Amino acid sequence: MKIVNHFNRSFFSIFAKVPMAPPDPIIGINTAYANDIDSRKINLGVGAYRDDDLKPVVFKVVRQVEEMLRADKSLNKVRDSDIEGVSSYRRSGYF
């Protein structure tokens, strides 16, 4: 038990002089949302968007881009690969 207590004290003393980092701006969005008293507020900070019935909302622009990507056959040249991966990628020397 003494070893654990000694470890805890020495561990924390290592960081005692390290200055606190500035607040994370993304987390700050959530904090600002939590502190906002406006009943019309909408949380656009972090996470998935949901409607009043708590169903996921996918923005129209996201659906449009998904469709564009599906329709672009140049992005879909390789359908399957064998267990070793895509041969052209293996020959490229990237791994």
PDB file of N, CA and C in Angstrom:
ATOM      1  N   MET A   1       0.817  -1.194   0.000  1.00  0.00           N
ATOM      2  CA  MET A   1       0.000   0.000   0.000  1.00  0.00           C
ATOM      3  C   MET A   1       0.859   1.257   0.000  1.00  0.00           C
ATOM      4  N   LYS A   2       1.959   1.243   0.730  1.00  0.00           N
ATOM      5  CA  LYS A   2       2.830   2.410   0.761  1.00  0.00           C
ATOM      6  C   LYS A   2       3.439   2.687  -0.610  1.00  0.00           C
ATOM      7  N   ILE A   3       3.733   1.643  -1.364  1.00  0.00           N
ATOM      8  CA  ILE A   3       4.306   1.821  -2.698  1.00  0.00           C
ATOM      9  C   ILE A   3       3.312   2.548  -3.596  1.00  0.00           C
ATOM     10  N   VAL A   4       2.054   2.155  -3.543  1.00  0.00           N
ATOM     11  CA  VAL A   4       1.019   2.789  -4.360  1.00  0.00           C
ATOM     12  C   VAL A   4       0.885   4.257  -3.986  1.00  0.00           C
ATOM     13  N   ASN A   5       0.832   4.557  -2.685  1.00  0.00           N
ATOM     14  CA  ASN A   5       0.717   5.950  -2.258  1.00  0.00           C
ATOM     15  C   ASN A   5       1.934   6.763  -2.680  1.00  0.00           C
ATOM     16  N   HIS A   6       3.106   6.177  -2.541  1.00  0.00           N
ATOM     17  CA  HIS A   6       4.314   6.874  -2.959  1.00  0.00           C
ATOM     18  C   HIS A   6       4.288   7.129  -4.467  1.00  0.00           C
ATOM     19  N   PHE A   7       3.870   6.129  -5.214  1.00  0.00           N
ATOM     20  CA  PHE A   7       3.782   6.281  -6.665  1.00  0.00           C
ATOM     21  C   PHE A   7       2.825   7.406  -7.026  1.00  0.00           C
ATOM     22  N   ASN A   8       1.666   7.446  -6.415  1.00  0.00           N
ATOM     23  CA  ASN A   8       0.689   8.489  -6.727  1.00  0.00           C
ATOM     24  C   ASN A   8       1.250   9.877  -6.463  1.00  0.00           C
ATOM     25  N   ARG A   9       1.902  10.067  -5.326  1.00  0.00           N
ATOM     26  CA  ARG A   9       2.472  11.381  -5.008  1.00  0.00           C
ATOM     27  C   ARG A   9       3.562  11.752  -6.001  1.00  0.00           C
ATOM     28  N   SER A  10       4.446  10.818  -6.300  1.00  0.00           N
ATOM     29  CA  SER A  10       5.544  11.144  -7.208  1.00  0.00           C
ATOM     30  C   SER A  10       5.028  11.330  -8.636  1.00  0.00           C
ATOM     31  N   PHE A  11       4.035  10.579  -9.022  1.00  0.00           N
ATOM     32  CA  PHE A  11       3.462  10.721 -10.362  1.00  0.00           C
ATOM     33  C   PHE A  11       2.870  12.112 -10.550  1.00  0.00           C
ATOM     34  N   PHE A  12       2.085  12.560  -9.597  1.00  0.00           N
ATOM     35  CA  PHE A  12       1.458  13.865  -9.722  1.00  0.00           C
ATOM     36  C   PHE A  12       2.458  15.004  -9.559  1.00  0.00           C
ATOM     37  N   SER A  13       3.510  14.794  -8.788  1.00  0.00           N
ATOM     38  CA  SER A  13       4.483  15.861  -8.620  1.00  0.00           C
ATOM     39  C   SER A  13       5.255  16.110  -9.912  1.00  0.00           C
ATOM     40  N   ILE A  14       5.350  15.123 -10.777  1.00  0.00           N
ATOM     41  CA  ILE A  14       6.010  15.302 -12.075  1.00  0.00           C
ATOM     42  C   ILE A  14       5.277  16.370 -12.887  1.00  0.00           C
ATOM     43  N   PHE A  15       3.968  16.394 -12.783  1.00  0.00           N
ATOM     44  CA  PHE A  15       3.153  17.300 -13.589  1.00  0.00           C
ATOM     45  C   PHE A  15       2.756  18.581 -12.859  1.00  0.00           C
ATOM     46  N   ALA A  16       3.226  18.758 -11.646  1.00  0.00           N
ATOM     47  CA  ALA A  16       2.813  19.906 -10.839  1.00  0.00           C
ATOM     48  C   ALA A  16       3.189  21.238 -11.484  1.00  0.00           C
ATOM     49  N   LYS A  17       4.292  21.296 -12.212  1.00  0.00           N
ATOM     50  CA  LYS A  17       4.742  22.561 -12.791  1.00  0.00           C
ATOM     51  C   LYS A  17       4.343  22.726 -14.262  1.00  0.00           C
ATOM     52  N   VAL A  18       3.644  21.747 -14.805  1.00  0.00           N
ATOM     53  CA  VAL A  18       3.210  21.848 -16.200  1.00  0.00           C
ATOM     54  C   VAL A  18       2.013  22.796 -16.266  1.00  0.00           C
ATOM     55  N   PRO A  19       2.098  23.837 -17.089  1.00  0.00           N
ATOM     56  CA  PRO A  19       0.974  24.786 -17.156  1.00  0.00           C
ATOM     57  C   PRO A  19      -0.249  24.150 -17.806  1.00  0.00           C
ATOM     58  N   MET A  20      -1.414  24.608 -17.385  1.00  0.00           N
ATOM     59  CA  MET A  20      -2.668  24.112 -17.923  1.00  0.00           C
ATOM     60  C   MET A  20      -2.796  24.547 -19.382  1.00  0.00           C
ATOM     61  N   ALA A  21      -3.209  23.640 -20.233  1.00  0.00           N
ATOM     62  CA  ALA A  21      -3.420  23.974 -21.645  1.00  0.00           C
ATOM     63  C   ALA A  21      -4.654  24.855 -21.769  1.00  0.00           C
ATOM     64  N   PRO A  22      -4.730  25.639 -22.843  1.00  0.00           N
ATOM     65  CA  PRO A  22      -5.932  26.464 -23.035  1.00  0.00           C
ATOM     66  C   PRO A  22      -7.152  25.580 -23.284  1.00  0.00           C
ATOM     67  N   PRO A  23      -8.329  26.090 -23.002  1.00  0.00           N
ATOM     68  CA  PRO A  23      -9.534  25.288 -23.219  1.00  0.00           C
ATOM     69  C   PRO A  23      -9.695  24.903 -24.688  1.00  0.00           C
ATOM     70  N   ASP A  24     -10.203  23.722 -24.926  1.00  0.00           N
ATOM     71  CA  ASP A  24     -10.441  23.238 -26.278  1.00  0.00           C
ATOM     72  C   ASP A  24     -11.635  23.976 -26.874  1.00  0.00           C
ATOM     73  N   PRO A  25     -11.487  24.592 -28.057  1.00  0.00           N
ATOM     74  CA  PRO A  25     -12.588  25.375 -28.623  1.00  0.00           C
ATOM     75  C   PRO A  25     -13.806  24.529 -28.974  1.00  0.00           C
ATOM     76  N   ILE A  26     -13.610  23.277 -29.354  1.00  0.00           N
ATOM     77  CA  ILE A  26     -14.756  22.417 -29.676  1.00  0.00           C
ATOM     78  C   ILE A  26     -15.545  22.108 -28.413  1.00  0.00           C
ATOM     79  N   ILE A  27     -14.857  21.776 -27.342  1.00  0.00           N
ATOM     80  CA  ILE A  27     -15.538  21.528 -26.069  1.00  0.00           C
ATOM     81  C   ILE A  27     -16.215  22.812 -25.602  1.00  0.00           C
ATOM     82  N   GLY A  28     -15.610  23.953 -25.900  1.00  0.00           N
ATOM     83  CA  GLY A  28     -16.204  25.242 -25.546  1.00  0.00           C
ATOM     84  C   GLY A  28     -17.564  25.452 -26.180  1.00  0.00           C
ATOM     85  N   ILE A  29     -17.775  24.897 -27.373  1.00  0.00           N
ATOM     86  CA  ILE A  29     -19.085  24.993 -28.021  1.00  0.00           C
ATOM     87  C   ILE A  29     -20.131  24.292 -27.158  1.00  0.00           C
ATOM     88  N   ASN A  30     -19.795  23.118 -26.663  1.00  0.00           N
ATOM     89  CA  ASN A  30     -20.737  22.391 -25.795  1.00  0.00           C
ATOM     90  C   ASN A  30     -20.996  23.144 -24.499  1.00  0.00           C
ATOM     91  N   THR A  31     -19.960  23.740 -23.945  1.00  0.00           N
ATOM     92  CA  THR A  31     -20.121  24.512 -22.717  1.00  0.00           C
ATOM     93  C   THR A  31     -21.016  25.718 -22.961  1.00  0.00           C
ATOM     94  N   ALA A  32     -20.794  26.415 -24.071  1.00  0.00           N
ATOM     95  CA  ALA A  32     -21.639  27.574 -24.404  1.00  0.00           C
ATOM     96  C   ALA A  32     -23.089  27.150 -24.597  1.00  0.00           C
ATOM     97  N   TYR A  33     -23.296  26.014 -25.239  1.00  0.00           N
ATOM     98  CA  TYR A  33     -24.657  25.502 -25.434  1.00  0.00           C
ATOM     99  C   TYR A  33     -25.302  25.211 -24.079  1.00  0.00           C
ATOM    100  N   ALA A  34     -24.576  24.545 -23.204  1.00  0.00           N
ATOM    101  CA  ALA A  34     -25.117  24.193 -21.888  1.00  0.00           C
ATOM    102  C   ALA A  34     -25.473  25.434 -21.076  1.00  0.00           C
ATOM    103  N   ASN A  35     -24.717  26.512 -21.248  1.00  0.00           N
ATOM    104  CA  ASN A  35     -24.950  27.733 -20.479  1.00  0.00           C
ATOM    105  C   ASN A  35     -25.979  28.666 -21.108  1.00  0.00           C
ATOM    106  N   ASP A  36     -26.362  28.406 -22.346  1.00  0.00           N
ATOM    107  CA  ASP A  36     -27.315  29.264 -23.055  1.00  0.00           C
ATOM    108  C   ASP A  36     -28.731  28.999 -22.539  1.00  0.00           C
ATOM    109  N   ILE A  37     -29.443  30.050 -22.150  1.00  0.00           N
ATOM    110  CA  ILE A  37     -30.796  29.872 -21.601  1.00  0.00           C
ATOM    111  C   ILE A  37     -31.892  30.068 -22.653  1.00  0.00           C
ATOM    112  N   ASP A  38     -31.515  30.394 -23.890  1.00  0.00           N
ATOM    113  CA  ASP A  38     -32.491  30.597 -24.966  1.00  0.00           C
ATOM    114  C   ASP A  38     -33.175  29.268 -25.292  1.00  0.00           C
ATOM    115  N   SER A  39     -34.508  29.239 -25.252  1.00  0.00           N
ATOM    116  CA  SER A  39     -35.253  27.999 -25.506  1.00  0.00           C
ATOM    117  C   SER A  39     -35.167  27.587 -26.976  1.00  0.00           C
ATOM    118  N   ARG A  40     -34.730  28.485 -27.852  1.00  0.00           N
ATOM    119  CA  ARG A  40     -34.626  28.175 -29.280  1.00  0.00           C
ATOM    120  C   ARG A  40     -33.257  27.619 -29.655  1.00  0.00           C
ATOM    121  N   LYS A  41     -32.382  27.419 -28.694  1.00  0.00           N
ATOM    122  CA  LYS A  41     -31.019  26.998 -29.011  1.00  0.00           C
ATOM    123  C   LYS A  41     -31.015  25.627 -29.694  1.00  0.00           C
ATOM    124  N   ILE A  42     -30.019  25.440 -30.538  1.00  0.00           N
ATOM    125  CA  ILE A  42     -29.829  24.180 -31.244  1.00  0.00           C
ATOM    126  C   ILE A  42     -28.372  23.788 -31.067  1.00  0.00           C
ATOM    127  N   ASN A  43     -28.136  22.576 -30.639  1.00  0.00           N
ATOM    128  CA  ASN A  43     -26.773  22.112 -30.421  1.00  0.00           C
ATOM    129  C   ASN A  43     -26.189  21.614 -31.734  1.00  0.00           C
ATOM    130  N   LEU A  44     -25.279  22.393 -32.310  1.00  0.00           N
ATOM    131  CA  LEU A  44     -24.599  22.005 -33.535  1.00  0.00           C
ATOM    132  C   LEU A  44     -23.140  21.679 -33.265  1.00  0.00           C
ATOM    133  N   GLY A  45     -22.808  21.396 -32.017  1.00  0.00           N
ATOM    134  CA  GLY A  45     -21.417  21.183 -31.626  1.00  0.00           C
ATOM    135  C   GLY A  45     -20.853  19.847 -32.015  1.00  0.00           C
ATOM    136  N   VAL A  46     -21.205  18.823 -31.302  1.00  0.00           N
ATOM    137  CA  VAL A  46     -20.593  17.522 -31.471  1.00  0.00           C
ATOM    138  C   VAL A  46     -21.694  16.470 -31.480  1.00  0.00           C
ATOM    139  N   GLY A  47     -21.560  15.501 -32.349  1.00  0.00           N
ATOM    140  CA  GLY A  47     -22.492  14.392 -32.347  1.00  0.00           C
ATOM    141  C   GLY A  47     -23.415  14.390 -33.539  1.00  0.00           C
ATOM    142  N   ALA A  48     -24.369  13.488 -33.501  1.00  0.00           N
ATOM    143  CA  ALA A  48     -25.335  13.336 -34.582  1.00  0.00           C
ATOM    144  C   ALA A  48     -26.530  14.245 -34.331  1.00  0.00           C
ATOM    145  N   TYR A  49     -27.124  14.714 -35.408  1.00  0.00           N
ATOM    146  CA  TYR A  49     -28.306  15.569 -35.302  1.00  0.00           C
ATOM    147  C   TYR A  49     -29.548  14.690 -35.289  1.00  0.00           C
ATOM    148  N   ARG A  50     -30.527  15.066 -34.459  1.00  0.00           N
ATOM    149  CA  ARG A  50     -31.769  14.286 -34.343  1.00  0.00           C
ATOM    150  C   ARG A  50     -32.959  15.226 -34.383  1.00  0.00           C
ATOM    151  N   ASP A  51     -34.085  14.684 -34.879  1.00  0.00           N
ATOM    152  CA  ASP A  51     -35.303  15.494 -34.928  1.00  0.00           C
ATOM    153  C   ASP A  51     -36.042  15.410 -33.595  1.00  0.00           C
ATOM    154  N   ASP A  52     -37.238  15.970 -33.542  1.00  0.00           N
ATOM    155  CA  ASP A  52     -38.002  15.976 -32.288  1.00  0.00           C
ATOM    156  C   ASP A  52     -38.381  14.579 -31.823  1.00  0.00           C
ATOM    157  N   ASP A  53     -38.410  13.616 -32.744  1.00  0.00           N
ATOM    158  CA  ASP A  53     -38.708  12.224 -32.393  1.00  0.00           C
ATOM    159  C   ASP A  53     -37.441  11.414 -32.142  1.00  0.00           C
ATOM    160  N   LEU A  54     -36.308  12.126 -32.039  1.00  0.00           N
ATOM    161  CA  LEU A  54     -34.988  11.535 -31.789  1.00  0.00           C
ATOM    162  C   LEU A  54     -34.518  10.617 -32.911  1.00  0.00           C
ATOM    163  N   LYS A  55     -35.057  10.811 -34.108  1.00  0.00           N
ATOM    164  CA  LYS A  55     -34.599  10.058 -35.272  1.00  0.00           C
ATOM    165  C   LYS A  55     -33.433  10.826 -35.896  1.00  0.00           C
ATOM    166  N   PRO A  56     -32.423  10.104 -36.413  1.00  0.00           N
ATOM    167  CA  PRO A  56     -31.270  10.787 -37.011  1.00  0.00           C
ATOM    168  C   PRO A  56     -31.680  11.664 -38.193  1.00  0.00           C
ATOM    169  N   VAL A  57     -31.055  12.824 -38.284  1.00  0.00           N
ATOM    170  CA  VAL A  57     -31.282  13.739 -39.392  1.00  0.00           C
ATOM    171  C   VAL A  57     -30.029  13.723 -40.262  1.00  0.00           C
ATOM    172  N   VAL A  58     -30.222  13.458 -41.548  1.00  0.00           N
ATOM    173  CA  VAL A  58     -29.115  13.520 -42.499  1.00  0.00           C
ATOM    174  C   VAL A  58     -29.401  14.706 -43.407  1.00  0.00           C
ATOM    175  N   PHE A  59     -28.469  15.658 -43.439  1.00  0.00           N
ATOM    176  CA  PHE A  59     -28.668  16.854 -44.235  1.00  0.00           C
ATOM    177  C   PHE A  59     -28.768  16.516 -45.718  1.00  0.00           C
ATOM    178  N   LYS A  60     -29.562  17.303 -46.437  1.00  0.00           N
ATOM    179  CA  LYS A  60     -29.781  17.083 -47.862  1.00  0.00           C
ATOM    180  C   LYS A  60     -28.459  17.092 -48.633  1.00  0.00           C
ATOM    181  N   VAL A  61     -27.559  17.973 -48.270  1.00  0.00           N
ATOM    182  CA  VAL A  61     -26.282  18.050 -48.964  1.00  0.00           C
ATOM    183  C   VAL A  61     -25.475  16.767 -48.778  1.00  0.00           C
ATOM    184  N   VAL A  62     -25.601  16.119 -47.631  1.00  0.00           N
ATOM    185  CA  VAL A  62     -24.897  14.857 -47.397  1.00  0.00           C
ATOM    186  C   VAL A  62     -25.452  13.790 -48.325  1.00  0.00           C
ATOM    187  N   ARG A  63     -26.754  13.717 -48.439  1.00  0.00           N
ATOM    188  CA  ARG A  63     -27.382  12.745 -49.349  1.00  0.00           C
ATOM    189  C   ARG A  63     -26.952  13.006 -50.798  1.00  0.00           C
ATOM    190  N   GLN A  64     -26.873  14.284 -51.186  1.00  0.00           N
ATOM    191  CA  GLN A  64     -26.474  14.627 -52.554  1.00  0.00           C
ATOM    192  C   GLN A  64     -25.039  14.193 -52.837  1.00  0.00           C
ATOM    193  N   VAL A  65     -24.146  14.430 -51.888  1.00  0.00           N
ATOM    194  CA  VAL A  65     -22.743  14.040 -52.075  1.00  0.00           C
ATOM    195  C   VAL A  65     -22.615  12.520 -52.095  1.00  0.00           C
ATOM    196  N   GLU A  66     -23.357  11.833 -51.245  1.00  0.00           N
ATOM    197  CA  GLU A  66     -23.338  10.365 -51.275  1.00  0.00           C
ATOM    198  C   GLU A  66     -23.745   9.853 -52.649  1.00  0.00           C
ATOM    199  N   GLU A  67     -24.783  10.431 -53.214  1.00  0.00           N
ATOM    200  CA  GLU A  67     -25.253  10.014 -54.534  1.00  0.00           C
ATOM    201  C   GLU A  67     -24.209  10.322 -55.606  1.00  0.00           C
ATOM    202  N   MET A  68     -23.569  11.478 -55.516  1.00  0.00           N
ATOM    203  CA  MET A  68     -22.517  11.828 -56.472  1.00  0.00           C
ATOM    204  C   MET A  68     -21.365  10.824 -56.402  1.00  0.00           C
ATOM    205  N   LEU A  69     -20.988  10.430 -55.205  1.00  0.00           N
ATOM    206  CA  LEU A  69     -19.900   9.470 -55.045  1.00  0.00           C
ATOM    207  C   LEU A  69     -20.286   8.099 -55.576  1.00  0.00           C
ATOM    208  N   ARG A  70     -21.527   7.690 -55.335  1.00  0.00           N
ATOM    209  CA  ARG A  70     -21.991   6.403 -55.858  1.00  0.00           C
ATOM    210  C   ARG A  70     -22.039   6.410 -57.382  1.00  0.00           C
ATOM    211  N   ALA A  71     -22.410   7.541 -57.964  1.00  0.00           N
ATOM    212  CA  ALA A  71     -22.554   7.638 -59.417  1.00  0.00           C
ATOM    213  C   ALA A  71     -21.220   7.753 -60.144  1.00  0.00           C
ATOM    214  N   ASP A  72     -20.172   8.200 -59.453  1.00  0.00           N
ATOM    215  CA  ASP A  72     -18.866   8.395 -60.079  1.00  0.00           C
ATOM    216  C   ASP A  72     -18.156   7.049 -60.194  1.00  0.00           C
ATOM    217  N   LYS A  73     -18.250   6.435 -61.373  1.00  0.00           N
ATOM    218  CA  LYS A  73     -17.681   5.091 -61.587  1.00  0.00           C
ATOM    219  C   LYS A  73     -16.157   5.093 -61.533  1.00  0.00           C
ATOM    220  N   SER A  74     -15.528   6.256 -61.695  1.00  0.00           N
ATOM    221  CA  SER A  74     -14.065   6.304 -61.614  1.00  0.00           C
ATOM    222  C   SER A  74     -13.571   6.032 -60.201  1.00  0.00           C
ATOM    223  N   LEU A  75     -14.448   6.199 -59.227  1.00  0.00           N
ATOM    224  CA  LEU A  75     -14.073   5.938 -57.837  1.00  0.00           C
ATOM    225  C   LEU A  75     -14.302   4.487 -57.443  1.00  0.00           C
ATOM    226  N   ASN A  76     -14.864   3.717 -58.345  1.00  0.00           N
ATOM    227  CA  ASN A  76     -15.268   2.364 -58.006  1.00  0.00           C
ATOM    228  C   ASN A  76     -14.598   1.355 -58.930  1.00  0.00           C
ATOM    229  N   LYS A  77     -13.291   1.504 -59.127  1.00  0.00           N
ATOM    230  CA  LYS A  77     -12.575   0.633 -60.049  1.00  0.00           C
ATOM    231  C   LYS A  77     -12.307  -0.741 -59.458  1.00  0.00           C
ATOM    232  N   VAL A  78     -12.128  -0.829 -58.172  1.00  0.00           N
ATOM    233  CA  VAL A  78     -11.794  -2.100 -57.528  1.00  0.00           C
ATOM    234  C   VAL A  78     -12.975  -2.529 -56.677  1.00  0.00           C
ATOM    235  N   ARG A  79     -13.552  -3.637 -57.025  1.00  0.00           N
ATOM    236  CA  ARG A  79     -14.702  -4.127 -56.265  1.00  0.00           C
ATOM    237  C   ARG A  79     -14.250  -5.046 -55.129  1.00  0.00           C
ATOM    238  N   ASP A  80     -13.421  -5.996 -55.439  1.00  0.00           N
ATOM    239  CA  ASP A  80     -12.978  -6.977 -54.447  1.00  0.00           C
ATOM    240  C   ASP A  80     -11.475  -7.185 -54.601  1.00  0.00           C
ATOM    241  N   SER A  81     -10.899  -7.718 -53.575  1.00  0.00           N
ATOM    242  CA  SER A  81      -9.488  -8.070 -53.657  1.00  0.00           C
ATOM    243  C   SER A  81      -9.307  -9.421 -52.995  1.00  0.00           C
ATOM    244  N   ASP A  82      -8.160 -10.025 -53.282  1.00  0.00           N
ATOM    245  CA  ASP A  82      -7.895 -11.297 -52.632  1.00  0.00           C
ATOM    246  C   ASP A  82      -7.399 -11.049 -51.202  1.00  0.00           C
ATOM    247  N   ILE A  83      -7.046 -12.083 -50.518  1.00  0.00           N
ATOM    248  CA  ILE A  83      -6.666 -11.993 -49.108  1.00  0.00           C
ATOM    249  C   ILE A  83      -5.441 -11.096 -48.910  1.00  0.00           C
ATOM    250  N   GLU A  84      -4.583 -10.986 -49.930  1.00  0.00           N
ATOM    251  CA  GLU A  84      -3.376 -10.173 -49.804  1.00  0.00           C
ATOM    252  C   GLU A  84      -3.613  -8.710 -50.136  1.00  0.00           C
ATOM    253  N   GLY A  85      -4.812  -8.342 -50.546  1.00  0.00           N
ATOM    254  CA  GLY A  85      -5.113  -6.958 -50.876  1.00  0.00           C
ATOM    255  C   GLY A  85      -5.080  -6.709 -52.376  1.00  0.00           C
ATOM    256  N   VAL A  86      -5.273  -5.483 -52.750  1.00  0.00           N
ATOM    257  CA  VAL A  86      -5.307  -5.093 -54.160  1.00  0.00           C
ATOM    258  C   VAL A  86      -3.888  -5.142 -54.711  1.00  0.00           C
ATOM    259  N   SER A  87      -3.698  -5.883 -55.804  1.00  0.00           N
ATOM    260  CA  SER A  87      -2.344  -6.099 -56.326  1.00  0.00           C
ATOM    261  C   SER A  87      -1.679  -4.796 -56.757  1.00  0.00           C
ATOM    262  N   SER A  88      -2.433  -3.873 -57.376  1.00  0.00           N
ATOM    263  CA  SER A  88      -1.820  -2.609 -57.806  1.00  0.00           C
ATOM    264  C   SER A  88      -1.349  -1.792 -56.609  1.00  0.00           C
ATOM    265  N   TYR A  89      -2.042  -1.881 -55.513  1.00  0.00           N
ATOM    266  CA  TYR A  89      -1.621  -1.180 -54.297  1.00  0.00           C
ATOM    267  C   TYR A  89      -0.377  -1.843 -53.714  1.00  0.00           C
ATOM    268  N   ARG A  90      -0.355  -3.171 -53.707  1.00  0.00           N
ATOM    269  CA  ARG A  90       0.807  -3.876 -53.169  1.00  0.00           C
ATOM    270  C   ARG A  90       2.055  -3.553 -53.979  1.00  0.00           C
ATOM    271  N   ARG A  91       1.919  -3.447 -55.291  1.00  0.00           N
ATOM    272  CA  ARG A  91       3.076  -3.152 -56.146  1.00  0.00           C
ATOM    273  C   ARG A  91       3.543  -1.708 -56.018  1.00  0.00           C
ATOM    274  N   SER A  92       2.683  -0.846 -55.516  1.00  0.00           N
ATOM    275  CA  SER A  92       3.020   0.578 -55.444  1.00  0.00           C
ATOM    276  C   SER A  92       4.097   0.883 -54.412  1.00  0.00           C
ATOM    277  N   GLY A  93       4.310   0.001 -53.464  1.00  0.00           N
ATOM    278  CA  GLY A  93       5.338   0.207 -52.462  1.00  0.00           C
ATOM    279  C   GLY A  93       4.897   1.034 -51.260  1.00  0.00           C
ATOM    280  N   TYR A  94       3.594   1.267 -51.130  1.00  0.00           N
ATOM    281  CA  TYR A  94       3.115   2.058 -50.004  1.00  0.00           C
ATOM    282  C   TYR A  94       3.093   1.308 -48.698  1.00  0.00           C
ATOM    283  N   PHE A  95       3.225   0.011 -48.729  1.00  0.00           N
ATOM    284  CA  PHE A  95       3.247  -0.714 -47.460  1.00  0.00           C
ATOM    285  C   PHE A  95       4.305  -1.754 -47.427  1.00  0.00           C
TER     286      PHE A  95
END
